[in-house]
C-alpha atoms as a PDB file:
ATOM      1  CA  MET A   1      22.252  -2.118  12.935  1.00  0.00           C
ATOM      2  CA  LYS A   2      22.469  -5.959  12.681  1.00  0.00           C
ATOM      3  CA  THR A   3      22.888  -7.737   9.610  1.00  0.00           C
ATOM      4  CA  ARG A   4      22.199 -11.207   8.624  1.00  0.00           C
ATOM      5  CA  LYS A   5      22.067 -13.715   5.659  1.00  0.00           C
ATOM      6  CA  VAL A   6      18.965 -14.971   4.106  1.00  0.00           C
ATOM      7  CA  LEU A   7      18.087 -17.476   1.588  1.00  0.00           C
ATOM      8  CA  PRO A   8      18.280 -15.959  -2.000  1.00  0.00           C
ATOM      9  CA  LEU A   9      14.650 -17.025  -2.773  1.00  0.00           C
ATOM     10  CA  ALA A  10      13.368 -14.807   0.243  1.00  0.00           C
ATOM     11  CA  ILE A  11      14.948 -11.573  -1.124  1.00  0.00           C
ATOM     12  CA  ALA A  12      12.050 -10.606  -3.284  1.00  0.00           C
ATOM     13  CA  ALA A  13       9.986 -10.942  -0.308  1.00  0.00           C
ATOM     14  CA  LEU A  14      11.983  -8.798   1.670  1.00  0.00           C
ATOM     15  CA  THR A  15      12.533  -6.004  -0.885  1.00  0.00           C
ATOM     16  CA  VAL A  16       8.382  -5.390  -1.119  1.00  0.00           C
ATOM     17  CA  LEU A  17       7.032  -4.708   2.537  1.00  0.00           C
ATOM     18  CA  SER A  18       3.652  -3.901   1.543  1.00  0.00           C
ATOM     19  CA  GLY A  19       2.375  -6.963  -0.090  1.00  0.00           C
ATOM     20  CA  SER A  20       1.486  -8.372  -3.686  1.00  0.00           C
ATOM     21  CA  ALA A  21      -0.888  -5.745  -4.645  1.00  0.00           C
ATOM     22  CA  SER A  22       1.841  -3.008  -4.405  1.00  0.00           C
ATOM     23  CA  ALA A  23       4.431  -2.484  -6.961  1.00  0.00           C
ATOM     24  CA  ALA A  24       6.887  -0.576  -5.148  1.00  0.00           C
ATOM     25  CA  GLU A  25      10.125  -1.451  -4.016  1.00  0.00           C
ATOM     26  CA  VAL A  26      11.401  -0.873  -0.601  1.00  0.00           C
ATOM     27  CA  TYR A  27      15.219  -0.716  -0.121  1.00  0.00           C
ATOM     28  CA  GLY A  28      17.723  -0.458   2.880  1.00  0.00           C
ATOM     29  CA  GLY A  29      18.690   2.935   3.534  1.00  0.00           C
ATOM     30  CA  SER A  30      22.672   2.172   3.723  1.00  0.00           C
ATOM     31  CA  GLY A  31      24.186   3.977   0.523  1.00  0.00           C
ATOM     32  CA  ILE A  32      21.272   6.334  -0.362  1.00  0.00           C
ATOM     33  CA  GLY A  33      20.174   9.601   1.044  1.00  0.00           C
ATOM     34  CA  PHE A  34      21.884  10.315   4.532  1.00  0.00           C
ATOM     35  CA  SER A  35      24.927   8.291   3.373  1.00  0.00           C
ATOM     36  CA  ASN A  36      27.006   9.462   6.289  1.00  0.00           C
ATOM     37  CA  ASN A  37      24.599   7.677   8.710  1.00  0.00           C
ATOM     38  CA  PRO A  38      22.996   4.621   7.249  1.00  0.00           C
ATOM     39  CA  SER A  39      21.564   3.684  10.485  1.00  0.00           C
ATOM     40  CA  GLN A  40      19.655   6.832  10.850  1.00  0.00           C
ATOM     41  CA  PHE A  41      18.274   6.669   7.153  1.00  0.00           C
ATOM     42  CA  VAL A  42      15.971   3.551   7.301  1.00  0.00           C
ATOM     43  CA  THR A  43      14.346   2.921   3.882  1.00  0.00           C
ATOM     44  CA  SER A  44      14.028   4.268   0.449  1.00  0.00           C
ATOM     45  CA  VAL A  45      10.633   3.406  -1.303  1.00  0.00           C
ATOM     46  CA  VAL A  46      10.473   3.619  -5.245  1.00  0.00           C
ATOM     47  CA  PHE A  47       6.843   3.890  -6.261  1.00  0.00           C
ATOM     48  CA  ASP A  48       5.330   2.646  -9.548  1.00  0.00           C
ATOM     49  CA  LYS A  49       2.466   4.236 -11.402  1.00  0.00           C
ATOM     50  CA  ALA A  50       0.464   1.225 -10.509  1.00  0.00           C
ATOM     51  CA  ASP A  51       0.586   2.029  -6.804  1.00  0.00           C
ATOM     52  CA  ALA A  52      -1.762   4.902  -7.504  1.00  0.00           C
ATOM     53  CA  LYS A  53      -4.563   2.916  -8.755  1.00  0.00           C
ATOM     54  CA  ALA A  54      -7.451   2.422  -6.762  1.00  0.00           C
ATOM     55  CA  GLY A  55      -7.534  -0.338  -4.507  1.00  0.00           C
ATOM     56  CA  ALA A  56      -3.662  -0.613  -4.359  1.00  0.00           C
ATOM     57  CA  ALA A  57      -2.156  -1.687  -1.054  1.00  0.00           C
ATOM     58  CA  PRO A  58      -0.382   0.626   1.177  1.00  0.00           C
ATOM     59  CA  VAL A  59       3.334   0.188   1.497  1.00  0.00           C
ATOM     60  CA  ILE A  60       4.137  -0.580   5.121  1.00  0.00           C
ATOM     61  CA  VAL A  61       7.620  -0.020   6.909  1.00  0.00           C
ATOM     62  CA  LYS A  62       8.309  -1.076  10.511  1.00  0.00           C
ATOM     63  CA  THR A  63      10.558  -1.669  13.138  1.00  0.00           C
ATOM     64  CA  GLY A  64      12.114  -5.210  12.910  1.00  0.00           C
ATOM     65  CA  ASP A  65      11.517  -5.565   8.989  1.00  0.00           C
ATOM     66  CA  ASP A  66      14.243  -6.706   6.823  1.00  0.00           C
ATOM     67  CA  VAL A  67      15.468  -4.903   3.759  1.00  0.00           C
ATOM     68  CA  THR A  68      18.056  -5.018   1.254  1.00  0.00           C
ATOM     69  CA  PRO A  69      20.443  -2.163   0.661  1.00  0.00           C
ATOM     70  CA  PRO A  70      20.317  -1.578  -3.271  1.00  0.00           C
ATOM     71  CA  GLN A  71      23.983  -2.025  -3.730  1.00  0.00           C
ATOM     72  CA  GLN A  72      23.646  -5.615  -2.155  1.00  0.00           C
ATOM     73  CA  LYS A  73      20.656  -6.640  -4.230  1.00  0.00           C
ATOM     74  CA  GLY A  74      21.093 -10.317  -5.048  1.00  0.00           C
ATOM     75  CA  LEU A  75      23.883 -11.020  -2.418  1.00  0.00           C
ATOM     76  CA  GLY A  76      21.423 -12.157   0.316  1.00  0.00           C
ATOM     77  CA  THR A  77      22.152  -9.552   3.191  1.00  0.00           C
ATOM     78  CA  THR A  78      19.403  -7.605   4.500  1.00  0.00           C
ATOM     79  CA  ILE A  79      19.423  -4.788   7.311  1.00  0.00           C
ATOM     80  CA  THR A  80      16.862  -4.805  10.081  1.00  0.00           C
ATOM     81  CA  ILE A  81      14.882  -1.598  10.438  1.00  0.00           C
ATOM     82  CA  PRO A  82      15.335  -0.183  14.139  1.00  0.00           C
ATOM     83  CA  PRO A  83      13.201   1.271  16.653  1.00  0.00           C
ATOM     84  CA  THR A  84      13.231   5.256  17.026  1.00  0.00           C
ATOM     85  CA  LYS A  85      13.196   7.098  20.402  1.00  0.00           C
ATOM     86  CA  SER A  86      10.408   8.203  22.369  1.00  0.00           C
ATOM     87  CA  MET A  87      11.191  11.748  22.199  1.00  0.00           C
ATOM     88  CA  ALA A  88      13.218  11.819  18.858  1.00  0.00           C
ATOM     89  CA  TRP A  89      10.799  14.189  17.269  1.00  0.00           C
ATOM     90  CA  CYS A  90      10.272  16.720  19.986  1.00  0.00           C
ATOM     91  CA  ASP A  91      12.867  17.181  22.531  1.00  0.00           C
ATOM     92  CA  PRO A  92      13.049  20.781  24.260  1.00  0.00           C
ATOM     93  CA  VAL A  93      16.756  20.429  24.780  1.00  0.00           C
ATOM     94  CA  SER A  94      17.402  19.849  20.899  1.00  0.00           C
ATOM     95  CA  ASN A  95      16.498  23.651  20.212  1.00  0.00           C
ATOM     96  CA  PRO A  96      19.757  25.039  18.842  1.00  0.00           C
ATOM     97  CA  ASP A  97      19.116  28.690  19.754  1.00  0.00           C
ATOM     98  CA  ILE A  98      17.981  28.150  23.440  1.00  0.00           C
ATOM     99  CA  PRO A  99      20.622  26.338  25.904  1.00  0.00           C
ATOM    100  CA  ASN A 100      18.951  24.147  28.477  1.00  0.00           C
ATOM    101  CA  ASN A 101      15.557  24.846  27.055  1.00  0.00           C
ATOM    102  CA  THR A 102      12.536  22.926  28.705  1.00  0.00           C
ATOM    103  CA  ASP A 103       9.789  24.334  26.787  1.00  0.00           C
ATOM    104  CA  PHE A 104       7.881  21.846  24.760  1.00  0.00           C
ATOM    105  CA  ASN A 105       6.332  24.436  22.364  1.00  0.00           C
ATOM    106  CA  THR A 106       9.993  25.310  21.153  1.00  0.00           C
ATOM    107  CA  CYS A 107      11.256  21.702  20.583  1.00  0.00           C
ATOM    108  CA  TYR A 108      13.068  20.403  17.492  1.00  0.00           C
ATOM    109  CA  GLY A 109      13.748  17.052  16.683  1.00  0.00           C
ATOM    110  CA  TRP A 110      16.859  14.929  16.955  1.00  0.00           C
ATOM    111  CA  GLY A 111      18.232  14.005  13.495  1.00  0.00           C
ATOM    112  CA  MET A 112      20.088  10.765  14.583  1.00  0.00           C
ATOM    113  CA  PHE A 113      17.340   9.219  16.795  1.00  0.00           C
ATOM    114  CA  SER A 114      14.515   9.739  14.301  1.00  0.00           C
ATOM    115  CA  LYS A 115      13.942   7.414  11.317  1.00  0.00           C
ATOM    116  CA  TRP A 116      14.059   9.015   7.896  1.00  0.00           C
ATOM    117  CA  VAL A 117      12.368   7.618   4.632  1.00  0.00           C
ATOM    118  CA  VAL A 118      12.748   8.877   1.067  1.00  0.00           C
ATOM    119  CA  LEU A 119       9.784   8.250  -1.038  1.00  0.00           C
ATOM    120  CA  ASP A 120      10.640   8.253  -5.014  1.00  0.00           C
ATOM    121  CA  PHE A 121       7.934   9.210  -7.405  1.00  0.00           C
ATOM    122  CA  ASN A 122      10.047   9.535 -10.669  1.00  0.00           C
ATOM    123  CA  ALA A 123       8.693   6.500 -12.315  1.00  0.00           C
ATOM    124  CA  LEU A 124       5.382   7.968 -11.950  1.00  0.00           C
ATOM    125  CA  GLN A 125       6.364  11.298 -13.641  1.00  0.00           C
ATOM    126  CA  LYS A 126       7.742   9.041 -16.718  1.00  0.00           C
ATOM    127  CA  ALA A 127       4.755   7.252 -17.026  1.00  0.00           C
ATOM    128  CA  GLY A 128       3.011  10.766 -17.528  1.00  0.00           C
ATOM    129  CA  MET A 129       1.504  11.593 -14.200  1.00  0.00           C
ATOM    130  CA  THR A 130       1.944  15.141 -13.216  1.00  0.00           C
ATOM    131  CA  SER A 131       0.665  15.073  -9.641  1.00  0.00           C
ATOM    132  CA  VAL A 132      -0.185  12.452  -6.943  1.00  0.00           C
ATOM    133  CA  TRP A 133      -1.982  12.769  -3.622  1.00  0.00           C
ATOM    134  CA  VAL A 134       0.107  10.990  -0.919  1.00  0.00           C
ATOM    135  CA  SER A 135      -1.229   9.885   2.481  1.00  0.00           C
ATOM    136  CA  MET A 136       1.501   9.270   5.070  1.00  0.00           C
ATOM    137  CA  THR A 137       0.839   8.041   8.395  1.00  0.00           C
ATOM    138  CA  ALA A 138       3.220   6.931  11.571  1.00  0.00           C
ATOM    139  CA  LYS A 139       1.824   4.698  13.846  1.00  0.00           C
ATOM    140  CA  ARG A 140       2.329   3.050  17.005  1.00  0.00           C
ATOM    141  CA  TYR A 141       3.833  -0.562  16.631  1.00  0.00           C
ATOM    142  CA  ASN A 142       3.491  -3.434  19.039  1.00  0.00           C
ATOM    143  CA  ASP A 143       6.235  -6.112  18.209  1.00  0.00           C
ATOM    144  CA  GLY A 144       4.396  -8.826  20.242  1.00  0.00           C
ATOM    145  CA  VAL A 145       6.993  -9.025  22.910  1.00  0.00           C
ATOM    146  CA  ALA A 146       5.313  -8.562  26.320  1.00  0.00           C
ATOM    147  CA  GLN A 147       8.205  -7.772  28.314  1.00  0.00           C
ATOM    148  CA  GLU A 148      11.567  -6.229  27.022  1.00  0.00           C
ATOM    149  CA  THR A 149      14.769  -7.044  28.747  1.00  0.00           C
ATOM    150  CA  ASP A 150      18.345  -6.329  28.062  1.00  0.00           C
ATOM    151  CA  SER A 151      21.346  -8.920  27.657  1.00  0.00           C
ATOM    152  CA  LYS A 152      21.689  -9.480  31.311  1.00  0.00           C
ATOM    153  CA  GLY A 153      17.994 -10.047  31.846  1.00  0.00           C
ATOM    154  CA  LYS A 154      16.852  -6.286  33.311  1.00  0.00           C
ATOM    155  CA  VAL A 155      13.528  -5.310  32.496  1.00  0.00           C
ATOM    156  CA  LEU A 156      13.210  -2.525  30.069  1.00  0.00           C
ATOM    157  CA  ALA A 157      10.687   0.072  29.507  1.00  0.00           C
ATOM    158  CA  SER A 158       8.127  -0.847  26.916  1.00  0.00           C
ATOM    159  CA  ASP A 159       8.787  -0.228  23.490  1.00  0.00           C
ATOM    160  CA  ASP A 160       5.271  -0.496  22.326  1.00  0.00           C
ATOM    161  CA  ASP A 161       4.069   3.212  23.631  1.00  0.00           C
ATOM    162  CA  LEU A 162       5.151   5.545  20.821  1.00  0.00           C
ATOM    163  CA  VAL A 163       3.547   8.617  20.580  1.00  0.00           C
ATOM    164  CA  PRO A 164       4.219   9.060  16.915  1.00  0.00           C
ATOM    165  CA  ALA A 165       4.940  12.309  15.075  1.00  0.00           C
ATOM    166  CA  LEU A 166       6.285  13.098  11.529  1.00  0.00           C
ATOM    167  CA  THR A 167       7.543  15.797   9.281  1.00  0.00           C
ATOM    168  CA  VAL A 168       7.497  15.954   5.472  1.00  0.00           C
ATOM    169  CA  TYR A 169       9.894  17.657   3.315  1.00  0.00           C
ATOM    170  CA  GLN A 170      10.210  17.865  -0.524  1.00  0.00           C
ATOM    171  CA  GLY A 171      13.508  16.755  -1.806  1.00  0.00           C
ATOM    172  CA  ARG A 172      16.198  14.480  -0.970  1.00  0.00           C
ATOM    173  CA  GLN A 173      19.292  15.118   0.834  1.00  0.00           C
ATOM    174  CA  ASP A 174      21.918  12.934  -0.827  1.00  0.00           C
ATOM    175  CA  VAL A 175      25.099  14.815   0.219  1.00  0.00           C
ATOM    176  CA  GLY A 176      26.576  16.548   3.178  1.00  0.00           C
ATOM    177  CA  ILE A 177      27.020  15.959   6.907  1.00  0.00           C
ATOM    178  CA  HIS A 178      23.868  16.121   9.267  1.00  0.00           C
ATOM    179  CA  ASN A 179      23.802  18.060  12.381  1.00  0.00           C
ATOM    180  CA  HIS A 180      22.113  17.067  15.570  1.00  0.00           C
ATOM    181  CA  TRP A 181      18.722  18.826  15.244  1.00  0.00           C
ATOM    182  CA  TYR A 182      16.090  19.400  12.659  1.00  0.00           C
ATOM    183  CA  PRO A 183      13.275  21.778  12.388  1.00  0.00           C
ATOM    184  CA  ASN A 184      10.124  19.408  13.210  1.00  0.00           C
ATOM    185  CA  LYS A 185       7.653  22.401  12.506  1.00  0.00           C
ATOM    186  CA  PHE A 186       9.665  24.026   9.791  1.00  0.00           C
ATOM    187  CA  GLN A 187      11.146  26.669  12.328  1.00  0.00           C
ATOM    188  CA  LYS A 188      14.409  27.130  10.257  1.00  0.00           C
ATOM    189  CA  THR A 189      14.720  26.715   6.465  1.00  0.00           C
ATOM    190  CA  PRO A 190      17.115  26.077   5.036  1.00  0.00           C
ATOM    191  CA  PHE A 191      18.697  24.194   7.552  1.00  0.00           C
ATOM    192  CA  TRP A 192      21.703  21.373   7.388  1.00  0.00           C
ATOM    193  CA  ALA A 193      19.558  19.619   4.794  1.00  0.00           C
ATOM    194  CA  TRP A 194      19.692  22.390   2.441  1.00  0.00           C
ATOM    195  CA  LYS A 195      18.154  20.263  -0.198  1.00  0.00           C
ATOM    196  CA  LEU A 196      14.893  19.819   1.481  1.00  0.00           C
ATOM    197  CA  THR A 197      11.945  22.328   1.676  1.00  0.00           C
ATOM    198  CA  PRO A 198       8.498  22.060   3.481  1.00  0.00           C
ATOM    199  CA  PHE A 199       5.828  19.967   2.206  1.00  0.00           C
ATOM    200  CA  ALA A 200       3.544  22.424   3.291  1.00  0.00           C
ATOM    201  CA  GLY A 201       1.172  25.443   2.052  1.00  0.00           C
ATOM    202  CA  GLY A 202      -1.385  25.987  -0.556  1.00  0.00           C
ATOM    203  CA  ALA A 203       0.172  24.215  -3.390  1.00  0.00           C
ATOM    204  CA  THR A 204       0.612  20.811  -1.525  1.00  0.00           C
ATOM    205  CA  LYS A 205      -2.770  21.404   0.522  1.00  0.00           C
ATOM    206  CA  SER A 206      -0.834  20.169   3.550  1.00  0.00           C
ATOM    207  CA  ASN A 207       0.138  21.141   6.803  1.00  0.00           C
ATOM    208  CA  GLY A 208       3.329  19.116   6.559  1.00  0.00           C
ATOM    209  CA  TRP A 209       3.700  17.941   9.984  1.00  0.00           C
ATOM    210  CA  SER A 210       1.591  16.167  12.588  1.00  0.00           C
ATOM    211  CA  THR A 211       1.768  14.665  15.988  1.00  0.00           C
ATOM    212  CA  GLY A 212      -0.369  11.849  17.784  1.00  0.00           C
ATOM    213  CA  TYR A 213       0.094  13.928  20.968  1.00  0.00           C
ATOM    214  CA  MET A 214      -2.749  16.280  20.028  1.00  0.00           C
ATOM    215  CA  ALA A 215      -5.112  13.653  18.516  1.00  0.00           C
ATOM    216  CA  GLY A 216      -6.549  12.935  21.980  1.00  0.00           C
ATOM    217  CA  GLY A 217      -7.637   9.467  22.913  1.00  0.00           C
ATOM    218  CA  SER A 218      -5.135   6.668  22.392  1.00  0.00           C
ATOM    219  CA  ARG A 219      -2.664   9.021  20.330  1.00  0.00           C
ATOM    220  CA  ASP A 220      -1.294   5.800  18.367  1.00  0.00           C
ATOM    221  CA  SER A 221      -1.107   7.806  15.080  1.00  0.00           C
ATOM    222  CA  ALA A 222      -0.317  10.875  12.956  1.00  0.00           C
ATOM    223  CA  ASN A 223      -1.165  11.439   9.433  1.00  0.00           C
ATOM    224  CA  VAL A 224       0.273  14.203   6.921  1.00  0.00           C
ATOM    225  CA  THR A 225      -1.733  14.034   3.438  1.00  0.00           C
ATOM    226  CA  GLY A 226      -1.131  16.238   0.362  1.00  0.00           C
ATOM    227  CA  ARG A 227      -0.724  16.552  -3.182  1.00  0.00           C
ATOM    228  CA  PHE A 228       2.480  16.545  -4.705  1.00  0.00           C
ATOM    229  CA  LYS A 229       3.045  17.906  -8.056  1.00  0.00           C
ATOM    230  CA  LEU A 230       5.688  16.018 -10.426  1.00  0.00           C
ATOM    231  CA  LYS A 231       8.018  17.526 -12.615  1.00  0.00           C
ATOM    232  CA  PRO A 232      10.557  16.253 -15.232  1.00  0.00           C
ATOM    233  CA  GLY A 233      14.190  16.185 -14.311  1.00  0.00           C
ATOM    234  CA  GLY A 234      14.420  13.080 -11.694  1.00  0.00           C
ATOM    235  CA  GLN A 235      13.997  15.029  -8.541  1.00  0.00           C
ATOM    236  CA  ASN A 236      10.633  13.895  -7.499  1.00  0.00           C
ATOM    237  CA  TYR A 237      11.185  12.829  -3.899  1.00  0.00           C
ATOM    238  CA  LEU A 238       9.452  13.567  -0.497  1.00  0.00           C
ATOM    239  CA  THR A 239      11.655  12.920   2.796  1.00  0.00           C
ATOM    240  CA  VAL A 240       9.835  11.742   5.850  1.00  0.00           C
ATOM    241  CA  VAL A 241      11.126  11.850   9.151  1.00  0.00           C
ATOM    242  CA  VAL A 242       9.378   9.746  11.769  1.00  0.00           C
ATOM    243  CA  GLY A 243      10.088   9.975  15.678  1.00  0.00           C
ATOM    244  CA  GLY A 244       8.340  10.065  18.884  1.00  0.00           C
ATOM    245  CA  ASP A 245       6.420  13.130  20.738  1.00  0.00           C
ATOM    246  CA  ASP A 246       6.334  11.625  24.225  1.00  0.00           C
ATOM    247  CA  LYS A 247       6.535  14.257  27.264  1.00  0.00           C
ATOM    248  CA  GLU A 248       8.465  12.353  29.724  1.00  0.00           C
ATOM    249  CA  PRO A 249      12.364  13.729  29.638  1.00  0.00           C
ATOM    250  CA  THR A 250      13.334  11.564  32.305  1.00  0.00           C
ATOM    251  CA  LYS A 251      12.046   8.198  30.636  1.00  0.00           C
ATOM    252  CA  LYS A 252      13.491   8.393  27.148  1.00  0.00           C
ATOM    253  CA  HIS A 253      13.477   5.012  25.487  1.00  0.00           C
ATOM    254  CA  ASP A 254      13.649   2.905  22.344  1.00  0.00           C
ATOM    255  CA  VAL A 255      10.169   2.781  20.619  1.00  0.00           C
ATOM    256  CA  ASN A 256       8.807   0.823  17.862  1.00  0.00           C
ATOM    257  CA  PHE A 257       7.070   2.548  14.940  1.00  0.00           C
ATOM    258  CA  GLU A 258       5.208   1.880  11.816  1.00  0.00           C
ATOM    259  CA  PHE A 259       4.925   4.103   8.806  1.00  0.00           C
ATOM    260  CA  ASP A 260       2.328   3.699   6.273  1.00  0.00           C
ATOM    261  CA  VAL A 261       2.110   5.415   2.549  1.00  0.00           C
ATOM    262  CA  SER A 262      -1.021   5.190   0.117  1.00  0.00           C
ATOM    263  CA  LEU A 263      -1.221   6.696  -3.203  1.00  0.00           C
ATOM    264  CA  SER A 264      -4.172   8.203  -5.073  1.00  0.00           C
ATOM    265  CA  LYS A 265      -4.833  10.082  -8.377  1.00  0.00           C
ATOM    266  CA  LYS A 266      -7.684  12.075  -6.426  1.00  0.00           C
ATOM    267  CA  ALA A 267      -7.970  13.691  -3.068  1.00  0.00           C
ATOM    268  CA  PRO A 268      -8.548  10.790  -0.794  1.00  0.00           C
ATOM    269  CA  MET A 269     -11.386  10.650   1.581  1.00  0.00           C
ATOM    270  CA  THR A 270     -10.860  10.807   5.399  1.00  0.00           C
ATOM    271  CA  SER A 271     -13.349  11.012   8.273  1.00  0.00           C
ATOM    272  CA  ASN A 272     -14.072  14.016  10.463  1.00  0.00           C
ATOM    273  CA  SER A 273     -14.743  14.504  14.075  1.00  0.00           C
ATOM    274  CA  GLY A 274     -18.441  15.237  13.077  1.00  0.00           C
ATOM    275  CA  GLY A 275     -18.935  12.212  11.423  1.00  0.00           C
ATOM    276  CA  GLY A 276     -19.216  11.608   7.332  1.00  0.00           C
ATOM    277  CA  SER A 277     -16.312  11.935   5.358  1.00  0.00           C
ATOM    278  CA  LYS A 278     -14.683  14.818   3.231  1.00  0.00           C
ATOM    279  CA  ALA A 279     -11.701  15.360   0.915  1.00  0.00           C
ATOM    280  CA  ALA A 280      -8.155  14.893   2.422  1.00  0.00           C
ATOM    281  CA  GLY A 281      -6.571  18.293   2.291  1.00  0.00           C
ATOM    282  CA  SER A 282      -9.372  20.807   3.284  1.00  0.00           C
ATOM    283  CA  PHE A 283      -7.220  23.229   5.468  1.00  0.00           C
ATOM    284  CA  ASP A 284      -8.259  26.367   6.763  1.00  0.00           C
ATOM    285  CA  LYS A 285      -6.360  29.692   6.745  1.00  0.00           C
ATOM    286  CA  CYS A 286      -4.348  28.635   9.714  1.00  0.00           C
ATOM    287  CA  GLY A 287      -3.218  25.395   7.931  1.00  0.00           C
ATOM    288  CA  CYS A 288      -5.445  23.245  10.164  1.00  0.00           C
ATOM    289  CA  ASP A 289      -7.653  20.229   8.618  1.00  0.00           C
ATOM    290  CA  ILE A 290     -11.093  21.514   8.878  1.00  0.00           C
ATOM    291  CA  GLY A 291     -13.368  19.436  10.954  1.00  0.00           C
ATOM    292  CA  VAL A 292     -10.486  17.514  12.503  1.00  0.00           C
ATOM    293  CA  THR A 293      -8.180  20.288  14.256  1.00  0.00           C
ATOM    294  CA  GLU A 294      -7.996  23.999  15.010  1.00  0.00           C
ATOM    295  CA  TRP A 295      -5.248  26.497  15.507  1.00  0.00           C
ATOM    296  CA  HIS A 296      -4.240  26.919  18.950  1.00  0.00           C
ATOM    297  CA  PRO A 297      -2.016  30.211  19.041  1.00  0.00           C
ATOM    298  CA  ALA A 298      -0.566  29.816  22.384  1.00  0.00           C
ATOM    299  CA  MET A 299       0.916  26.430  21.596  1.00  0.00           C
ATOM    300  CA  ASN A 300       1.669  27.466  17.970  1.00  0.00           C
ATOM    301  CA  HIS A 301       0.136  24.321  16.235  1.00  0.00           C
ATOM    302  CA  CYS A 302      -3.049  22.572  15.088  1.00  0.00           C
ATOM    303  CA  MET A 303      -5.082  20.947  18.133  1.00  0.00           C
ATOM    304  CA  ASP A 304      -7.481  18.377  18.135  1.00  0.00           C
ATOM    305  CA  ILE A 305     -11.139  19.672  17.974  1.00  0.00           C
ATOM    306  CA  ALA A 306     -12.195  17.593  21.073  1.00  0.00           C
ATOM    307  CA  GLU A 307      -9.142  19.596  23.111  1.00  0.00           C
ATOM    308  CA  CYS A 308     -10.174  22.904  21.878  1.00  0.00           C
ATOM    309  CA  LYS A 309     -13.548  22.310  22.958  1.00  0.00           C
ATOM    310  CA  LYS A 310     -12.500  22.312  26.574  1.00  0.00           C
ATOM    311  CA  ILE A 311     -11.017  25.813  26.432  1.00  0.00           C
ATOM    312  CA  GLU A 312     -13.644  27.382  23.815  1.00  0.00           C
ATOM    313  CA  ASN A 313     -14.925  29.714  26.645  1.00  0.00           C
ATOM    314  CA  ASN A 314     -11.500  30.822  27.833  1.00  0.00           C
ATOM    315  CA  PRO A 315     -11.130  34.526  26.439  1.00  0.00           C
ATOM    316  CA  ASN A 316      -7.396  34.102  27.149  1.00  0.00           C
ATOM    317  CA  ASP A 317      -6.388  30.740  25.822  1.00  0.00           C
ATOM    318  CA  HIS A 318      -8.700  29.174  22.845  1.00  0.00           C
ATOM    319  CA  CYS A 319      -8.422  27.692  19.483  1.00  0.00           C
ATOM    320  CA  LYS A 320      -9.205  29.901  16.206  1.00  0.00           C
ATOM    321  CA  THR A 321     -12.047  28.300  14.394  1.00  0.00           C
ATOM    322  CA  PRO A 322     -11.851  28.134  10.436  1.00  0.00           C
ATOM    323  CA  ALA A 323     -14.045  31.315  10.429  1.00  0.00           C
ATOM    324  CA  MET A 324     -11.764  33.220  12.801  1.00  0.00           C
ATOM    325  CA  CYS A 325      -8.657  32.305  10.383  1.00  0.00           C
ATOM    326  CA  THR A 326     -10.281  33.763   7.355  1.00  0.00           C
ATOM    327  CA  LYS A 327     -11.133  36.852   9.077  1.00  0.00           C
ATOM    328  CA  ASP A 328      -7.768  37.228  10.769  1.00  0.00           C
ATOM    329  CA  GLY A 329      -5.991  36.231   7.397  1.00  0.00           C
ATOM    330  CA  GLY A 330      -4.387  33.282   8.924  1.00  0.00           C
ATOM    331  CA  ARG A 331      -2.490  32.272  12.151  1.00  0.00           C
ATOM    332  CA  PHE A 332      -0.987  35.335  13.453  1.00  0.00           C
ATOM    333  CA  GLY A 333      -3.889  37.761  13.406  1.00  0.00           C
ATOM    334  CA  PRO A 334      -5.801  38.739  16.590  1.00  0.00           C
ATOM    335  CA  SER A 335      -8.424  35.910  17.715  1.00  0.00           C
END
């Protein structure tokens, strides 16, 4: 990770990445969280109660941004947020239980290639808030460079073609040594980050993970939205891991990313595939976003409804509608 000196007057502008309408502070990851691997741990975002007010701007973190590590605040030193990898979030060979695995449906994520962000909500709890709605979106990011080359002039693969994916955990892992893999769909908990638990289930109204691969269309964004309950004790953290969900194992490469976070006191509204809007966090018994995705048993994840429509008449391979999920009691009943 490269470092450089900046003029002292620019430091404040580099610390807050989301614009003047946000009260949040964004710090470089060195020295917080995964302290044994600062290049992996990208940023820590410290929110203020004002960030949950209507009209507050989202916090935006992206490849190429300069952020200041907290222990170097005021010294003029910044670190630059690096890219992630095209298959950092889902790589079949990362499965710790199946050597030489090639099945994408049983993939795990690479801890050292994905980028980790900690969201700190302790100031909101101290200000009297008992919960906050959090909308987190991983996006493809174009850095404006038409053709990437290495130091010798060799043309590289485009770094603007990320298929974004993210997984959200409650807690902050600030001790210990990470292993190579992590459970991108909560396959194993606890794991090496034993202080992290899934941000998923009825209490959070969140599915906890999302991938742009199943979104159809341009596949350029993935979102997790949920309600986070705030409690006394100073441990009100969410940890988000962002990476690529490409399916080209012979063409792994660096990819730029953007990560946006918006807060609200009430459930935000989101568009659905049928038009109009609904409250975010409206999930069926299978944990899928009603009107947006449906559960696909064979692939073990929520699939975009447009993709489900293509196979709805196949008796051996189809998605489960919200009504089916209710009848079956969830994901794993008969469909």
